[in-house]
Amino acid sequence: MPATCLITGATRGIGLEFARQLAARGDHVIATARDPAKAGEIARVAARVVALDVSDPASIDSLPERVGPDTIDLLINNAGVSSEAKTLSQCSAAELQRVFMVNSTAPVLVLRAMLPNLRAGKRRHVASITSGLGSISGNTGGSSYPYRASKAALNMLNRSVANELAPEGFVCVAIHPGWVRTDMGGPSAPLTPSKAVAAMIRLLDRLDAADNGRFLNFDGTPLPW
């Protein structure tokens, strides 16, 4: 049965590929873009494109007004940023706050804003696109301070909302998409967006209550915290 999916950061890369594949199989896709007038391909793929700037809490708070009463079965918190701050000397308060806002804070605020729509949906699934670099036990090389820390925070926040919303039948997961050939992943990445997203959609389709709160690889294998 077709689902209604809301995807943040859907104008390129993994978000755009999610929209392509979900729409192609008949799902109703609502995509977000900072400027829908300049949305490009996503405007031809998605059923609707709504404005959202995930770096702006006010834009997130007003998202329900733009989405309207549509029920949402699946929320994909995909929007994210990388960081040029790779070493301790390169870190600044401004850069840490910028990256944490987009990668950690925004997904929680988007979920909070869309909670009534998700409660009205049938699946009540939430997928936050994280990174293997957010694994604390897996961090043996340092580097990428803001990015690593923001994804670790996202993993913890996902676990918290998963626990809170479990009694309502929600399934909230943090998914590492693999090293994907996107603007962020670079040309040397082994996975194409098409293959990574196809695997993640298969994973999302088979989620059940036992998966709630988990940190998973794109193929469904658990990842270390």
N, C-alpha and C. Protein backbone atom coordinates (compact mmCIF):
# COMPACT_ATOMS: atom_id res chain seq x y z
N MET A 1 0.85 -1.19 0.00
CA MET A 1 0.00 0.00 0.00
C MET A 1 0.88 1.24 0.00
N PRO A 2 0.63 2.21 -0.89
CA PRO A 2 1.48 3.40 -0.97
C PRO A 2 1.52 4.15 0.36
N ALA A 3 2.70 4.69 0.66
CA ALA A 3 2.91 5.45 1.89
C ALA A 3 3.17 6.91 1.54
N THR A 4 2.96 7.78 2.52
CA THR A 4 3.33 9.18 2.37
C THR A 4 4.62 9.42 3.13
N CYS A 5 5.62 9.92 2.42
CA CYS A 5 6.96 10.07 2.97
C CYS A 5 7.39 11.54 2.92
N LEU A 6 7.91 12.03 4.02
CA LEU A 6 8.48 13.38 4.07
C LEU A 6 9.98 13.25 4.15
N ILE A 7 10.69 13.88 3.21
CA ILE A 7 12.14 13.77 3.12
C ILE A 7 12.76 15.16 3.23
N THR A 8 13.64 15.36 4.20
CA THR A 8 14.36 16.63 4.30
C THR A 8 15.66 16.55 3.49
N GLY A 9 16.11 17.72 3.02
CA GLY A 9 17.34 17.75 2.24
C GLY A 9 17.24 16.91 0.98
N ALA A 10 16.18 17.13 0.22
CA ALA A 10 15.87 16.23 -0.89
C ALA A 10 16.27 16.75 -2.27
N THR A 11 17.03 17.81 -2.34
CA THR A 11 17.32 18.38 -3.66
C THR A 11 18.51 17.73 -4.36
N ARG A 12 19.27 16.91 -3.63
CA ARG A 12 20.44 16.28 -4.26
C ARG A 12 20.85 15.05 -3.46
N GLY A 13 21.80 14.32 -4.00
CA GLY A 13 22.42 13.21 -3.28
C GLY A 13 21.44 12.16 -2.81
N ILE A 14 21.63 11.72 -1.58
CA ILE A 14 20.84 10.64 -1.01
C ILE A 14 19.37 11.02 -0.91
N GLY A 15 19.08 12.26 -0.51
CA GLY A 15 17.69 12.69 -0.38
C GLY A 15 16.94 12.65 -1.70
N LEU A 16 17.59 13.13 -2.75
CA LEU A 16 16.97 13.10 -4.07
C LEU A 16 16.75 11.67 -4.54
N GLU A 17 17.72 10.80 -4.27
CA GLU A 17 17.57 9.40 -4.69
C GLU A 17 16.46 8.70 -3.92
N PHE A 18 16.32 9.00 -2.63
CA PHE A 18 15.18 8.49 -1.88
C PHE A 18 13.88 8.91 -2.57
N ALA A 19 13.78 10.18 -2.92
CA ALA A 19 12.55 10.68 -3.56
C ALA A 19 12.30 9.98 -4.88
N ARG A 20 13.34 9.79 -5.68
CA ARG A 20 13.20 9.11 -6.98
C ARG A 20 12.63 7.71 -6.79
N GLN A 21 13.27 6.93 -5.93
CA GLN A 21 12.89 5.52 -5.80
C GLN A 21 11.54 5.35 -5.12
N LEU A 22 11.26 6.15 -4.11
CA LEU A 22 9.96 6.03 -3.44
C LEU A 22 8.83 6.47 -4.35
N ALA A 23 9.03 7.56 -5.09
CA ALA A 23 7.99 8.02 -6.02
C ALA A 23 7.79 7.02 -7.14
N ALA A 24 8.88 6.41 -7.62
CA ALA A 24 8.79 5.47 -8.74
C ALA A 24 7.97 4.25 -8.38
N ARG A 25 7.94 3.87 -7.13
CA ARG A 25 7.16 2.70 -6.74
C ARG A 25 5.74 3.07 -6.30
N GLY A 26 5.41 4.36 -6.36
CA GLY A 26 4.04 4.77 -6.10
C GLY A 26 3.79 5.46 -4.78
N ASP A 27 4.85 5.68 -3.99
CA ASP A 27 4.66 6.40 -2.73
C ASP A 27 4.45 7.88 -3.00
N HIS A 28 3.77 8.53 -2.07
CA HIS A 28 3.50 9.97 -2.15
C HIS A 28 4.64 10.68 -1.43
N VAL A 29 5.46 11.41 -2.17
CA VAL A 29 6.66 12.03 -1.60
C VAL A 29 6.46 13.53 -1.41
N ILE A 30 6.67 13.97 -0.17
CA ILE A 30 6.74 15.39 0.14
C ILE A 30 8.20 15.69 0.43
N ALA A 31 8.80 16.54 -0.38
CA ALA A 31 10.22 16.86 -0.25
C ALA A 31 10.39 18.27 0.29
N THR A 32 11.49 18.50 0.97
CA THR A 32 11.79 19.86 1.43
C THR A 32 13.00 20.41 0.70
N ALA A 33 12.97 21.72 0.53
CA ALA A 33 14.07 22.43 -0.10
C ALA A 33 14.14 23.82 0.50
N ARG A 34 15.33 24.37 0.59
CA ARG A 34 15.42 25.73 1.14
C ARG A 34 14.65 26.72 0.29
N ASP A 35 14.72 26.55 -1.03
CA ASP A 35 13.98 27.43 -1.94
C ASP A 35 13.29 26.56 -2.98
N PRO A 36 12.00 26.27 -2.79
CA PRO A 36 11.29 25.41 -3.75
C PRO A 36 11.32 25.93 -5.18
N ALA A 37 11.45 27.24 -5.36
CA ALA A 37 11.51 27.81 -6.70
C ALA A 37 12.78 27.42 -7.43
N LYS A 38 13.80 26.98 -6.69
CA LYS A 38 15.06 26.55 -7.29
C LYS A 38 15.33 25.08 -6.98
N ALA A 39 14.28 24.31 -6.85
CA ALA A 39 14.41 22.93 -6.40
C ALA A 39 14.97 21.98 -7.44
N GLY A 40 14.93 22.35 -8.72
CA GLY A 40 15.50 21.50 -9.75
C GLY A 40 14.73 20.21 -9.95
N GLU A 41 15.47 19.09 -10.04
CA GLU A 41 14.85 17.80 -10.38
C GLU A 41 13.80 17.36 -9.37
N ILE A 42 14.00 17.67 -8.09
CA ILE A 42 13.07 17.19 -7.08
C ILE A 42 11.66 17.71 -7.34
N ALA A 43 11.55 18.87 -7.97
CA ALA A 43 10.22 19.42 -8.28
C ALA A 43 9.48 18.55 -9.29
N ARG A 44 10.23 17.80 -10.12
CA ARG A 44 9.61 16.91 -11.10
C ARG A 44 9.35 15.52 -10.53
N VAL A 45 10.03 15.19 -9.44
CA VAL A 45 9.95 13.85 -8.86
C VAL A 45 8.90 13.77 -7.76
N ALA A 46 8.93 14.72 -6.85
CA ALA A 46 8.06 14.68 -5.68
C ALA A 46 6.65 15.15 -6.00
N ALA A 47 5.70 14.66 -5.22
CA ALA A 47 4.33 15.15 -5.37
C ALA A 47 4.23 16.60 -4.94
N ARG A 48 5.01 16.96 -3.92
CA ARG A 48 5.02 18.33 -3.41
C ARG A 48 6.42 18.67 -2.94
N VAL A 49 6.80 19.94 -3.08
CA VAL A 49 8.04 20.45 -2.51
C VAL A 49 7.68 21.62 -1.60
N VAL A 50 8.10 21.55 -0.34
CA VAL A 50 7.80 22.61 0.61
C VAL A 50 9.09 23.23 1.11
N ALA A 51 9.02 24.48 1.48
CA ALA A 51 10.21 25.22 1.93
C ALA A 51 10.60 24.79 3.34
N LEU A 52 11.90 24.59 3.54
CA LEU A 52 12.43 24.30 4.87
C LEU A 52 13.92 24.61 4.89
N ASP A 53 14.32 25.42 5.85
CA ASP A 53 15.74 25.68 6.12
C ASP A 53 16.04 25.06 7.48
N VAL A 54 16.72 23.91 7.48
CA VAL A 54 16.93 23.19 8.74
C VAL A 54 17.94 23.88 9.65
N SER A 55 18.59 24.93 9.17
CA SER A 55 19.48 25.70 10.04
C SER A 55 18.74 26.78 10.81
N ASP A 56 17.44 26.92 10.55
CA ASP A 56 16.63 27.98 11.13
C ASP A 56 15.48 27.38 11.94
N PRO A 57 15.52 27.45 13.27
CA PRO A 57 14.44 26.88 14.09
C PRO A 57 13.06 27.44 13.75
N ALA A 58 12.99 28.71 13.37
CA ALA A 58 11.70 29.29 13.03
C ALA A 58 11.12 28.64 11.78
N SER A 59 11.98 28.31 10.81
CA SER A 59 11.53 27.64 9.59
C SER A 59 11.00 26.25 9.93
N ILE A 60 11.67 25.57 10.85
CA ILE A 60 11.20 24.24 11.26
C ILE A 60 9.87 24.34 11.99
N ASP A 61 9.76 25.30 12.89
CA ASP A 61 8.52 25.46 13.66
C ASP A 61 7.31 25.72 12.77
N SER A 62 7.53 26.40 11.66
CA SER A 62 6.42 26.72 10.76
C SER A 62 6.20 25.67 9.68
N LEU A 63 6.98 24.59 9.70
CA LEU A 63 6.83 23.54 8.68
C LEU A 63 5.42 22.95 8.64
N PRO A 64 4.76 22.71 9.78
CA PRO A 64 3.41 22.15 9.71
C PRO A 64 2.43 23.00 8.91
N GLU A 65 2.63 24.31 8.90
CA GLU A 65 1.75 25.17 8.13
C GLU A 65 1.89 24.91 6.64
N ARG A 66 3.11 24.56 6.21
CA ARG A 66 3.36 24.34 4.78
C ARG A 66 3.02 22.90 4.37
N VAL A 67 3.21 21.97 5.27
CA VAL A 67 2.85 20.58 4.97
C VAL A 67 1.34 20.40 5.00
N GLY A 68 0.68 21.08 5.94
CA GLY A 68 -0.77 20.97 6.06
C GLY A 68 -1.17 19.70 6.79
N PRO A 69 -2.40 19.25 6.58
CA PRO A 69 -2.92 18.12 7.35
C PRO A 69 -2.55 16.74 6.82
N ASP A 70 -1.71 16.66 5.78
CA ASP A 70 -1.36 15.36 5.22
C ASP A 70 -0.83 14.41 6.30
N THR A 71 -1.30 13.19 6.29
CA THR A 71 -0.73 12.19 7.19
C THR A 71 0.65 11.79 6.65
N ILE A 72 1.58 11.53 7.57
CA ILE A 72 2.93 11.12 7.20
C ILE A 72 3.18 9.72 7.76
N ASP A 73 3.54 8.80 6.89
CA ASP A 73 3.85 7.43 7.32
C ASP A 73 5.33 7.26 7.65
N LEU A 74 6.17 7.97 6.91
CA LEU A 74 7.62 7.82 7.07
C LEU A 74 8.27 9.19 6.98
N LEU A 75 9.03 9.55 8.01
CA LEU A 75 9.85 10.76 7.99
C LEU A 75 11.30 10.34 7.81
N ILE A 76 11.95 10.88 6.78
CA ILE A 76 13.37 10.63 6.56
C ILE A 76 14.12 11.92 6.83
N ASN A 77 14.79 11.99 7.98
CA ASN A 77 15.63 13.13 8.33
C ASN A 77 16.98 12.96 7.64
N ASN A 78 17.06 13.50 6.44
CA ASN A 78 18.24 13.30 5.61
C ASN A 78 19.17 14.51 5.57
N ALA A 79 18.64 15.71 5.73
CA ALA A 79 19.44 16.92 5.59
C ALA A 79 20.64 16.89 6.53
N GLY A 80 21.81 17.24 6.00
CA GLY A 80 23.01 17.25 6.82
C GLY A 80 24.12 18.05 6.16
N VAL A 81 25.12 18.39 6.94
CA VAL A 81 26.27 19.14 6.43
C VAL A 81 27.55 18.47 6.92
N SER A 82 28.62 18.69 6.16
CA SER A 82 29.95 18.25 6.59
C SER A 82 30.64 19.45 7.25
N SER A 83 31.90 19.29 7.56
CA SER A 83 32.65 20.37 8.18
C SER A 83 34.09 20.33 7.73
N GLU A 84 34.67 21.52 7.55
CA GLU A 84 36.08 21.62 7.20
C GLU A 84 36.97 21.55 8.43
N ALA A 85 36.38 21.59 9.62
CA ALA A 85 37.16 21.54 10.86
C ALA A 85 37.56 20.10 11.14
N LYS A 86 38.77 19.75 10.79
CA LYS A 86 39.23 18.37 10.94
C LYS A 86 40.09 18.17 12.18
N THR A 87 40.67 19.23 12.73
CA THR A 87 41.57 19.12 13.88
C THR A 87 41.08 20.03 14.99
N LEU A 88 41.64 19.82 16.19
CA LEU A 88 41.26 20.62 17.35
C LEU A 88 41.51 22.10 17.11
N SER A 89 42.63 22.41 16.47
CA SER A 89 42.97 23.82 16.24
C SER A 89 42.00 24.50 15.27
N GLN A 90 41.31 23.72 14.46
CA GLN A 90 40.37 24.29 13.49
C GLN A 90 38.96 24.47 14.06
N CYS A 91 38.70 23.91 15.23
CA CYS A 91 37.36 23.98 15.81
C CYS A 91 37.08 25.37 16.35
N SER A 92 35.85 25.80 16.16
CA SER A 92 35.40 27.07 16.73
C SER A 92 33.98 26.88 17.24
N ALA A 93 33.56 27.76 18.13
CA ALA A 93 32.20 27.67 18.65
C ALA A 93 31.19 27.80 17.53
N ALA A 94 31.44 28.72 16.61
CA ALA A 94 30.50 28.97 15.52
C ALA A 94 30.35 27.73 14.63
N GLU A 95 31.48 27.08 14.32
CA GLU A 95 31.42 25.91 13.44
C GLU A 95 30.74 24.73 14.13
N LEU A 96 31.07 24.50 15.40
CA LEU A 96 30.43 23.43 16.15
C LEU A 96 28.92 23.66 16.22
N GLN A 97 28.51 24.88 16.49
CA GLN A 97 27.09 25.18 16.59
C GLN A 97 26.39 25.03 15.25
N ARG A 98 27.04 25.42 14.17
CA ARG A 98 26.45 25.29 12.83
C ARG A 98 26.19 23.84 12.49
N VAL A 99 27.18 22.99 12.70
CA VAL A 99 27.07 21.59 12.33
C VAL A 99 26.09 20.86 13.25
N PHE A 100 26.15 21.15 14.54
CA PHE A 100 25.21 20.51 15.46
C PHE A 100 23.77 20.92 15.16
N MET A 101 23.56 22.17 14.78
CA MET A 101 22.20 22.63 14.48
C MET A 101 21.59 21.80 13.35
N VAL A 102 22.32 21.63 12.26
CA VAL A 102 21.78 20.93 11.10
C VAL A 102 21.74 19.42 11.31
N ASN A 103 22.82 18.86 11.85
CA ASN A 103 22.94 17.40 11.91
C ASN A 103 22.28 16.76 13.13
N SER A 104 22.16 17.51 14.23
CA SER A 104 21.65 16.92 15.47
C SER A 104 20.34 17.54 15.93
N THR A 105 20.34 18.86 16.03
CA THR A 105 19.17 19.56 16.58
C THR A 105 18.00 19.53 15.61
N ALA A 106 18.25 19.84 14.36
CA ALA A 106 17.17 19.94 13.38
C ALA A 106 16.34 18.66 13.25
N PRO A 107 16.95 17.47 13.18
CA PRO A 107 16.12 16.27 13.07
C PRO A 107 15.12 16.10 14.21
N VAL A 108 15.52 16.47 15.42
CA VAL A 108 14.61 16.37 16.55
C VAL A 108 13.50 17.40 16.44
N LEU A 109 13.86 18.62 16.03
CA LEU A 109 12.84 19.67 15.90
C LEU A 109 11.87 19.36 14.76
N VAL A 110 12.38 18.78 13.66
CA VAL A 110 11.49 18.39 12.56
C VAL A 110 10.53 17.30 13.03
N LEU A 111 11.03 16.31 13.75
CA LEU A 111 10.17 15.26 14.28
C LEU A 111 9.11 15.86 15.21
N ARG A 112 9.54 16.75 16.09
CA ARG A 112 8.58 17.38 17.00
C ARG A 112 7.50 18.13 16.22
N ALA A 113 7.91 18.86 15.20
CA ALA A 113 6.96 19.66 14.42
C ALA A 113 5.97 18.78 13.67
N MET A 114 6.44 17.62 13.19
CA MET A 114 5.60 16.76 12.35
C MET A 114 4.93 15.64 13.13
N LEU A 115 5.05 15.65 14.45
CA LEU A 115 4.51 14.57 15.25
C LEU A 115 3.01 14.35 15.06
N PRO A 116 2.19 15.41 15.00
CA PRO A 116 0.75 15.16 14.76
C PRO A 116 0.48 14.44 13.43
N ASN A 117 1.23 14.81 12.38
CA ASN A 117 1.05 14.16 11.08
C ASN A 117 1.49 12.71 11.12
N LEU A 118 2.58 12.45 11.85
CA LEU A 118 3.07 11.07 11.98
C LEU A 118 2.12 10.23 12.82
N ARG A 119 1.58 10.81 13.85
CA ARG A 119 0.62 10.07 14.68
C ARG A 119 -0.62 9.69 13.88
N ALA A 120 -0.95 10.50 12.90
CA ALA A 120 -2.11 10.21 12.05
C ALA A 120 -1.80 9.19 10.97
N GLY A 121 -0.51 8.89 10.76
CA GLY A 121 -0.11 7.94 9.72
C GLY A 121 -0.24 6.51 10.17
N LYS A 122 -0.03 5.58 9.23
CA LYS A 122 -0.18 4.16 9.52
C LYS A 122 1.11 3.52 10.02
N ARG A 123 2.26 3.97 9.50
CA ARG A 123 3.51 3.28 9.84
C ARG A 123 4.20 3.86 11.06
N ARG A 124 4.21 5.16 11.20
CA ARG A 124 4.88 5.84 12.31
C ARG A 124 6.37 5.47 12.35
N HIS A 125 7.01 5.57 11.19
CA HIS A 125 8.44 5.28 11.08
C HIS A 125 9.23 6.57 10.91
N VAL A 126 10.38 6.64 11.59
CA VAL A 126 11.27 7.79 11.50
C VAL A 126 12.68 7.27 11.26
N ALA A 127 13.30 7.72 10.17
CA ALA A 127 14.67 7.33 9.85
C ALA A 127 15.55 8.57 9.85
N SER A 128 16.57 8.56 10.68
CA SER A 128 17.53 9.66 10.70
C SER A 128 18.82 9.17 10.06
N ILE A 129 19.23 9.86 8.99
CA ILE A 129 20.43 9.45 8.27
C ILE A 129 21.65 9.95 9.03
N THR A 130 22.39 9.02 9.59
CA THR A 130 23.53 9.34 10.43
C THR A 130 24.83 8.97 9.70
N SER A 131 25.83 8.55 10.43
CA SER A 131 27.11 8.16 9.82
C SER A 131 27.83 7.19 10.74
N GLY A 132 28.57 6.29 10.13
CA GLY A 132 29.43 5.42 10.92
C GLY A 132 30.46 6.20 11.71
N LEU A 133 30.77 7.42 11.27
CA LEU A 133 31.71 8.27 12.00
C LEU A 133 31.13 8.74 13.33
N GLY A 134 29.83 8.52 13.53
CA GLY A 134 29.21 8.86 14.80
C GLY A 134 29.36 7.77 15.85
N SER A 135 30.02 6.67 15.50
CA SER A 135 30.27 5.60 16.47
C SER A 135 31.41 6.01 17.39
N ILE A 136 31.14 6.10 18.69
CA ILE A 136 32.18 6.48 19.64
C ILE A 136 33.23 5.37 19.76
N SER A 137 32.77 4.13 19.89
CA SER A 137 33.73 3.03 20.02
C SER A 137 34.52 2.81 18.74
N GLY A 138 33.94 3.23 17.61
CA GLY A 138 34.63 3.06 16.34
C GLY A 138 35.59 4.18 16.00
N ASN A 139 35.67 5.20 16.85
CA ASN A 139 36.52 6.36 16.58
C ASN A 139 37.93 6.07 17.08
N THR A 140 38.77 5.59 16.18
CA THR A 140 40.15 5.30 16.54
C THR A 140 41.13 6.26 15.88
N GLY A 141 40.60 7.19 15.07
CA GLY A 141 41.50 8.07 14.34
C GLY A 141 41.30 9.55 14.59
N GLY A 142 40.30 9.92 15.40
CA GLY A 142 40.05 11.34 15.62
C GLY A 142 39.58 12.03 14.35
N SER A 143 39.90 13.29 14.19
CA SER A 143 39.58 14.10 13.02
C SER A 143 38.08 14.36 12.92
N SER A 144 37.71 15.30 12.07
CA SER A 144 36.32 15.63 11.76
C SER A 144 35.48 15.84 13.03
N TYR A 145 36.01 16.68 13.92
CA TYR A 145 35.40 16.84 15.24
C TYR A 145 33.91 17.20 15.19
N PRO A 146 33.52 18.29 14.52
CA PRO A 146 32.11 18.66 14.55
C PRO A 146 31.22 17.61 13.90
N TYR A 147 31.65 17.04 12.80
CA TYR A 147 30.82 16.07 12.08
C TYR A 147 30.63 14.80 12.91
N ARG A 148 31.74 14.23 13.40
CA ARG A 148 31.65 13.02 14.21
C ARG A 148 30.74 13.24 15.43
N ALA A 149 30.99 14.33 16.14
CA ALA A 149 30.25 14.58 17.37
C ALA A 149 28.77 14.83 17.10
N SER A 150 28.47 15.53 16.01
CA SER A 150 27.07 15.82 15.70
C SER A 150 26.30 14.55 15.35
N LYS A 151 26.97 13.61 14.69
CA LYS A 151 26.30 12.35 14.35
C LYS A 151 26.16 11.45 15.57
N ALA A 152 27.14 11.49 16.48
CA ALA A 152 27.00 10.75 17.73
C ALA A 152 25.83 11.31 18.53
N ALA A 153 25.68 12.63 18.54
CA ALA A 153 24.56 13.25 19.23
C ALA A 153 23.24 12.86 18.58
N LEU A 154 23.21 12.82 17.26
CA LEU A 154 22.00 12.40 16.55
C LEU A 154 21.61 10.98 16.95
N ASN A 155 22.60 10.10 17.06
CA ASN A 155 22.32 8.72 17.46
C ASN A 155 21.68 8.67 18.84
N MET A 156 22.22 9.46 19.78
CA MET A 156 21.67 9.48 21.13
C MET A 156 20.26 10.08 21.15
N LEU A 157 20.06 11.15 20.40
CA LEU A 157 18.74 11.78 20.34
C LEU A 157 17.72 10.82 19.74
N ASN A 158 18.14 10.08 18.71
CA ASN A 158 17.23 9.10 18.12
C ASN A 158 16.84 8.05 19.15
N ARG A 159 17.81 7.59 19.94
CA ARG A 159 17.52 6.58 20.95
C ARG A 159 16.53 7.13 21.98
N SER A 160 16.67 8.40 22.33
CA SER A 160 15.78 9.01 23.31
C SER A 160 14.35 9.12 22.79
N VAL A 161 14.19 9.62 21.56
CA VAL A 161 12.83 9.75 21.03
C VAL A 161 12.22 8.38 20.78
N ALA A 162 13.08 7.40 20.43
CA ALA A 162 12.58 6.04 20.23
C ALA A 162 11.98 5.50 21.53
N ASN A 163 12.66 5.73 22.64
CA ASN A 163 12.14 5.26 23.92
C ASN A 163 10.85 5.98 24.30
N GLU A 164 10.81 7.29 24.07
CA GLU A 164 9.62 8.06 24.44
C GLU A 164 8.40 7.67 23.61
N LEU A 165 8.63 7.44 22.31
CA LEU A 165 7.50 7.22 21.40
C LEU A 165 7.14 5.75 21.20
N ALA A 166 7.93 4.87 21.77
CA ALA A 166 7.66 3.43 21.61
C ALA A 166 6.25 3.03 22.03
N PRO A 167 5.71 3.56 23.14
CA PRO A 167 4.35 3.15 23.53
C PRO A 167 3.28 3.51 22.50
N GLU A 168 3.60 4.45 21.60
CA GLU A 168 2.64 4.83 20.56
C GLU A 168 2.85 4.04 19.27
N GLY A 169 3.76 3.09 19.28
CA GLY A 169 3.98 2.27 18.09
C GLY A 169 4.96 2.84 17.09
N PHE A 170 5.73 3.86 17.48
CA PHE A 170 6.74 4.42 16.58
C PHE A 170 7.94 3.50 16.49
N VAL A 171 8.59 3.52 15.33
CA VAL A 171 9.88 2.86 15.15
C VAL A 171 10.83 3.92 14.61
N CYS A 172 11.83 4.28 15.44
CA CYS A 172 12.78 5.35 15.09
C CYS A 172 14.18 4.73 15.00
N VAL A 173 14.82 4.88 13.87
CA VAL A 173 16.14 4.29 13.66
C VAL A 173 17.12 5.32 13.13
N ALA A 174 18.40 5.11 13.45
CA ALA A 174 19.49 5.90 12.88
C ALA A 174 20.21 5.00 11.89
N ILE A 175 20.31 5.44 10.64
CA ILE A 175 20.86 4.59 9.58
C ILE A 175 22.11 5.23 8.97
N HIS A 176 23.17 4.45 8.94
CA HIS A 176 24.39 4.84 8.23
C HIS A 176 24.24 4.43 6.77
N PRO A 177 24.29 5.37 5.82
CA PRO A 177 24.04 5.02 4.42
C PRO A 177 25.22 4.36 3.72
N GLY A 178 26.34 4.20 4.44
CA GLY A 178 27.55 3.74 3.79
C GLY A 178 28.33 4.92 3.23
N TRP A 179 29.45 4.61 2.62
CA TRP A 179 30.26 5.66 1.97
C TRP A 179 29.72 5.79 0.54
N VAL A 180 28.99 6.88 0.32
CA VAL A 180 28.21 7.04 -0.90
C VAL A 180 28.82 8.13 -1.79
N ARG A 181 28.77 7.89 -3.08
CA ARG A 181 29.34 8.80 -4.08
C ARG A 181 28.43 10.02 -4.29
N THR A 182 28.52 10.95 -3.35
CA THR A 182 27.75 12.19 -3.42
C THR A 182 28.72 13.36 -3.32
N ASP A 183 28.18 14.58 -3.28
CA ASP A 183 29.04 15.75 -3.10
C ASP A 183 29.81 15.64 -1.78
N MET A 184 29.16 15.11 -0.74
CA MET A 184 29.82 14.95 0.56
C MET A 184 30.76 13.76 0.55
N GLY A 185 30.33 12.64 -0.02
CA GLY A 185 31.14 11.43 0.01
C GLY A 185 32.32 11.44 -0.93
N GLY A 186 32.21 12.22 -2.01
CA GLY A 186 33.31 12.31 -2.97
C GLY A 186 33.29 11.23 -4.03
N PRO A 187 34.11 11.39 -5.08
CA PRO A 187 34.09 10.48 -6.22
C PRO A 187 34.70 9.11 -5.95
N SER A 188 35.46 8.96 -4.86
CA SER A 188 36.10 7.68 -4.56
C SER A 188 35.21 6.73 -3.78
N ALA A 189 34.06 7.19 -3.35
CA ALA A 189 33.17 6.35 -2.55
C ALA A 189 32.73 5.12 -3.34
N PRO A 190 32.66 3.96 -2.71
CA PRO A 190 32.34 2.72 -3.43
C PRO A 190 30.87 2.54 -3.76
N LEU A 191 29.97 3.21 -3.04
CA LEU A 191 28.54 3.01 -3.24
C LEU A 191 27.93 4.12 -4.07
N THR A 192 27.11 3.78 -5.04
CA THR A 192 26.33 4.78 -5.74
C THR A 192 25.10 5.13 -4.91
N PRO A 193 24.56 6.34 -5.06
CA PRO A 193 23.32 6.67 -4.35
C PRO A 193 22.21 5.67 -4.63
N SER A 194 22.12 5.19 -5.87
CA SER A 194 21.07 4.26 -6.24
C SER A 194 21.14 2.98 -5.42
N LYS A 195 22.33 2.39 -5.29
CA LYS A 195 22.47 1.14 -4.56
C LYS A 195 22.27 1.34 -3.06
N ALA A 196 22.83 2.43 -2.53
CA ALA A 196 22.69 2.69 -1.09
C ALA A 196 21.24 2.91 -0.71
N VAL A 197 20.54 3.71 -1.50
CA VAL A 197 19.14 4.01 -1.18
C VAL A 197 18.25 2.79 -1.37
N ALA A 198 18.49 2.02 -2.41
CA ALA A 198 17.70 0.80 -2.61
C ALA A 198 17.81 -0.12 -1.40
N ALA A 199 19.03 -0.25 -0.86
CA ALA A 199 19.23 -1.09 0.33
C ALA A 199 18.52 -0.50 1.54
N MET A 200 18.59 0.82 1.69
CA MET A 200 17.93 1.45 2.84
C MET A 200 16.41 1.35 2.75
N ILE A 201 15.86 1.43 1.55
CA ILE A 201 14.41 1.27 1.40
C ILE A 201 13.99 -0.15 1.76
N ARG A 202 14.78 -1.13 1.37
CA ARG A 202 14.47 -2.51 1.77
C ARG A 202 14.51 -2.65 3.28
N LEU A 203 15.47 -1.98 3.91
CA LEU A 203 15.55 -2.00 5.37
C LEU A 203 14.33 -1.33 5.99
N LEU A 204 13.96 -0.17 5.49
CA LEU A 204 12.82 0.55 6.04
C LEU A 204 11.52 -0.24 5.88
N ASP A 205 11.41 -0.96 4.79
CA ASP A 205 10.19 -1.74 4.54
C ASP A 205 10.02 -2.89 5.52
N ARG A 206 11.11 -3.37 6.10
CA ARG A 206 11.00 -4.52 6.99
C ARG A 206 11.18 -4.16 8.47
N LEU A 207 11.20 -2.87 8.78
CA LEU A 207 11.34 -2.46 10.18
C LEU A 207 10.17 -2.95 11.02
N ASP A 208 10.47 -3.33 12.26
CA ASP A 208 9.41 -3.64 13.20
C ASP A 208 9.82 -3.12 14.57
N ALA A 209 9.01 -3.40 15.57
CA ALA A 209 9.23 -2.83 16.91
C ALA A 209 10.59 -3.20 17.48
N ALA A 210 11.13 -4.35 17.12
CA ALA A 210 12.43 -4.77 17.64
C ALA A 210 13.56 -3.87 17.16
N ASP A 211 13.34 -3.12 16.09
CA ASP A 211 14.38 -2.24 15.54
C ASP A 211 14.36 -0.85 16.18
N ASN A 212 13.34 -0.54 16.95
CA ASN A 212 13.19 0.80 17.48
C ASN A 212 14.41 1.21 18.30
N GLY A 213 14.98 2.38 17.97
CA GLY A 213 16.12 2.91 18.69
C GLY A 213 17.46 2.43 18.23
N ARG A 214 17.51 1.59 17.21
CA ARG A 214 18.77 0.97 16.80
C ARG A 214 19.59 1.87 15.88
N PHE A 215 20.90 1.61 15.86
CA PHE A 215 21.88 2.26 15.00
C PHE A 215 22.30 1.20 13.99
N LEU A 216 21.89 1.38 12.73
CA LEU A 216 22.00 0.32 11.73
C LEU A 216 22.81 0.77 10.52
N ASN A 217 23.52 -0.19 9.94
CA ASN A 217 24.14 0.03 8.64
C ASN A 217 23.05 -0.01 7.57
N PHE A 218 23.37 0.49 6.39
CA PHE A 218 22.37 0.53 5.31
C PHE A 218 21.83 -0.84 4.94
N ASP A 219 22.60 -1.88 5.21
CA ASP A 219 22.14 -3.24 4.90
C ASP A 219 21.42 -3.90 6.06
N GLY A 220 21.22 -3.16 7.16
CA GLY A 220 20.47 -3.67 8.29
C GLY A 220 21.30 -4.25 9.42
N THR A 221 22.62 -4.37 9.24
CA THR A 221 23.45 -4.90 10.31
C THR A 221 23.63 -3.85 11.40
N PRO A 222 23.61 -4.26 12.68
CA PRO A 222 23.78 -3.30 13.77
C PRO A 222 25.19 -2.72 13.77
N LEU A 223 25.30 -1.46 14.16
CA LEU A 223 26.61 -0.80 14.27
C LEU A 223 26.91 -0.51 15.74
N PRO A 224 28.18 -0.49 16.12
CA PRO A 224 28.56 -0.24 17.52
C PRO A 224 28.35 1.23 17.89
N TRP A 225 27.85 1.45 19.09
CA TRP A 225 27.68 2.81 19.55
C TRP A 225 29.03 3.49 19.81
